[in-house]
Amino acid sequence: MMVGRPLVVGIVGADGCGKSSTYRGLLHRLARQMPVHGVGEELLRGGPGLALAPPPSTRLSRTTARVGALARGTRADRPYQLLKLLELSGRSRSRDAAVQEARAAVVVTDGDPLVNSAAWSAAGYYVSELAGQDDRLLELVDHLAGAARLSLADLRRLPRRAWQLALAERLGLVRFAIPDLVVLLAIDGATGLARIKARGRPLQAHEGEAFLDRLAGGYERVCDLLARHRGIEIVRIDVARTPLPDVLDIAEEAVLGALASLQEPVSPDVIDVIATTISGSLADQRNVGRIGPGFQARTSRPVRVHRAATHPAARQLAHDVVTRGGRTIVSAGGAGTFNAVLEGCHLDDGVPADLRLAFLRKGSADLIGKALHVPGDLEGAVAAITTALERDATVDADILVVEAATPDGSLQRRHMVGFAGLGLFGDVPRFTESRLVKLYKGVLGSLFGDYGPFFVGLTLASGWWFVKRRLGQVPPMALSFDDEEEAAASWLAVIVVNGDLGHDFPLGRGLAFGSGTFRVVALRYRDLGCAIAQLQACRSGAILDKPSVHGAIVREVRSLSARPSVGPGRLAGSGHEQMVNLDGLRMLVRGEARVAVAGRVRLVLCEARQK
């Protein structure tokens, strides 16, 4: 019953509803049928023939459990809020790790970080500000989910103390993914309080009948918004009138039904948008919640929006959709997101011939989107893409495969459209794609446009490359262009481009995406002054006209091999590690790296706007 990624199920409800009992009971039932992972006060893992038990590494879970215990013993309101936020953040990270491992068919959580936080906001933290303001509550949900980022203007509009949420965002404490299925255990305050007292434990600071009533209403309200506006399946169970065995029956049936739906075929007519929640400028990041309604307002075709917090998650989502028959995919992000989605679209025999892949620009230096004439504003992009889909306007693009050994020696293959780089250009993603620098990318993109992040990353990569060279860590490299061999030399950069990416990146000038070849621009290192001149000639495109003047080699080929050779004073060869830049994705390789044309994909081509 395994699916492409685990189904994420949250058990939620106000205090006294029986979340923990339902959580444990559901885990035990599911474990008899499939691999499961549970995230509660401790992490649990099990499956057919395997008893539920903590996995080998539970350090984060134990720390989170200690924080939760401190919260339950705290009587003061503000410390309780902070401790609960830390506990929910820890549980969210544990759940995300379980999902990325993909060793389970289902991940079940005792509570849900997103739903819990939003319900508490509606019932307590911002009760007056959010009263009757469903649009604000939904906006808060998007911020908690990482689908939007708080700006200074947002702080003025949102409830008081919203600065706390902004600080938590910047510290990476809140990015609570939306679950696939929510089991809401509905209960009134009086019944919940009676159940709590019957357990014989001390009441927590907030546990009074009036507040529990408000909290139950907060859960109802948040779940209703998720169902109506985000398409999340909500299973509501009145636990005051339903015994636990029946609650477990209903929850189990819902999980099995959701798993079955994940395996159902997807109509090729469905438009599946895969959006990364942290690509591009701050304005881009805030637009994620508007993508689905924007498409739905312009087409009669079904539209589904899938949010991904990372490139691997985007790749897995794309693979799930295409495996089940989806054939219309929109990548909403930057070049890294686009190539992650492209990789996910590969089946055993490559990308399906009837697949259409669109690029919705929401990232830094999104050259492919510009080459496909996709407008930079969300409304214009949605309109242009839907029109192109109706007309089936596409362009064939060659897919390049990059093959190399991983640092541990195993073979890795990555697929891409756009440009790739080794040497100095290969190191750029070290400074542009780490989660720690996503914030600075958003700020630079807001202040300086698309190329703010790229040029800062290029500058930092240049310093990194020259330091490595000074330390003797940049060995000579031998290049092979199809059957032509180039002797080992010190190369500043080896740049690969497989289509005309426009005037912003002129190295692909005049080269069709579907030409069957790609262009290689290799810059031989001479000295610092020459290196600066070479980079300037690449920026202007002049290096294509007189490559020998700039100490460069320019070739159009079907395959390329770059083999590190013996470096001065040290042995490099097959043991040398370097980074390959796959148009925004990092690929750490050891030894030889090979690039070749490996297939084709049909990209959605929008109409060019008149200047």
Foldseek 3Di string as FASTA:
>chain_A
DAALWAAEEEEDFFFQLCLVVLQVVLVVVQQCPWWEWEQELWIWTHHNVGDTDGPPDTVLSPVLNVLVVVLQVDQDDVSNVVSVLQSLLSSQVVQVVRRVVRRTNHYYYSHFSLLLVLLCCCLPVPVPQCVVPLVLSVLVSCLLQLLAADDPVNCVVHGPPCVVSNVCVLVVSGNGHDGQEYEYRADALVNSLVSVVVVVDDHHNQNDRVSSRSSSVSSVSVVVCCCPQVVHHYHYDHSVPDPSVVSSVSVNVVSVVSSVVLQAADEQQEEEEEEEQQAFANVLNRCSSVQLVLLVVQDPTHYHYHYDPALLRLLSVLLSNVVRPHAHYEYEHAQSNQQSSLNSCQDPQGHDARHEYEYAYRHAPRLVNVVLQQDPDSNSNSNQLVVLVVVVAWAKAFKKWKWFAFLVGHIDIGIAAFKKKFALRLQLLVQQVDPNCSNVRNVLCVVPNRCSSRVVSSVVSLVVRVVCVVVQQQFWKWKQFPPDTDDTARWNMKMKHQACSDLQQRLRPPHHRPPLWIKIKIQGDDDDVLVVVLVVCRRRVVCVVPVVVSRIDMDIGFKMKIFGAQIVPGGATQARWTWMGRNNDTDIHGGMMMMGGDGMHIYRRGDHDDD
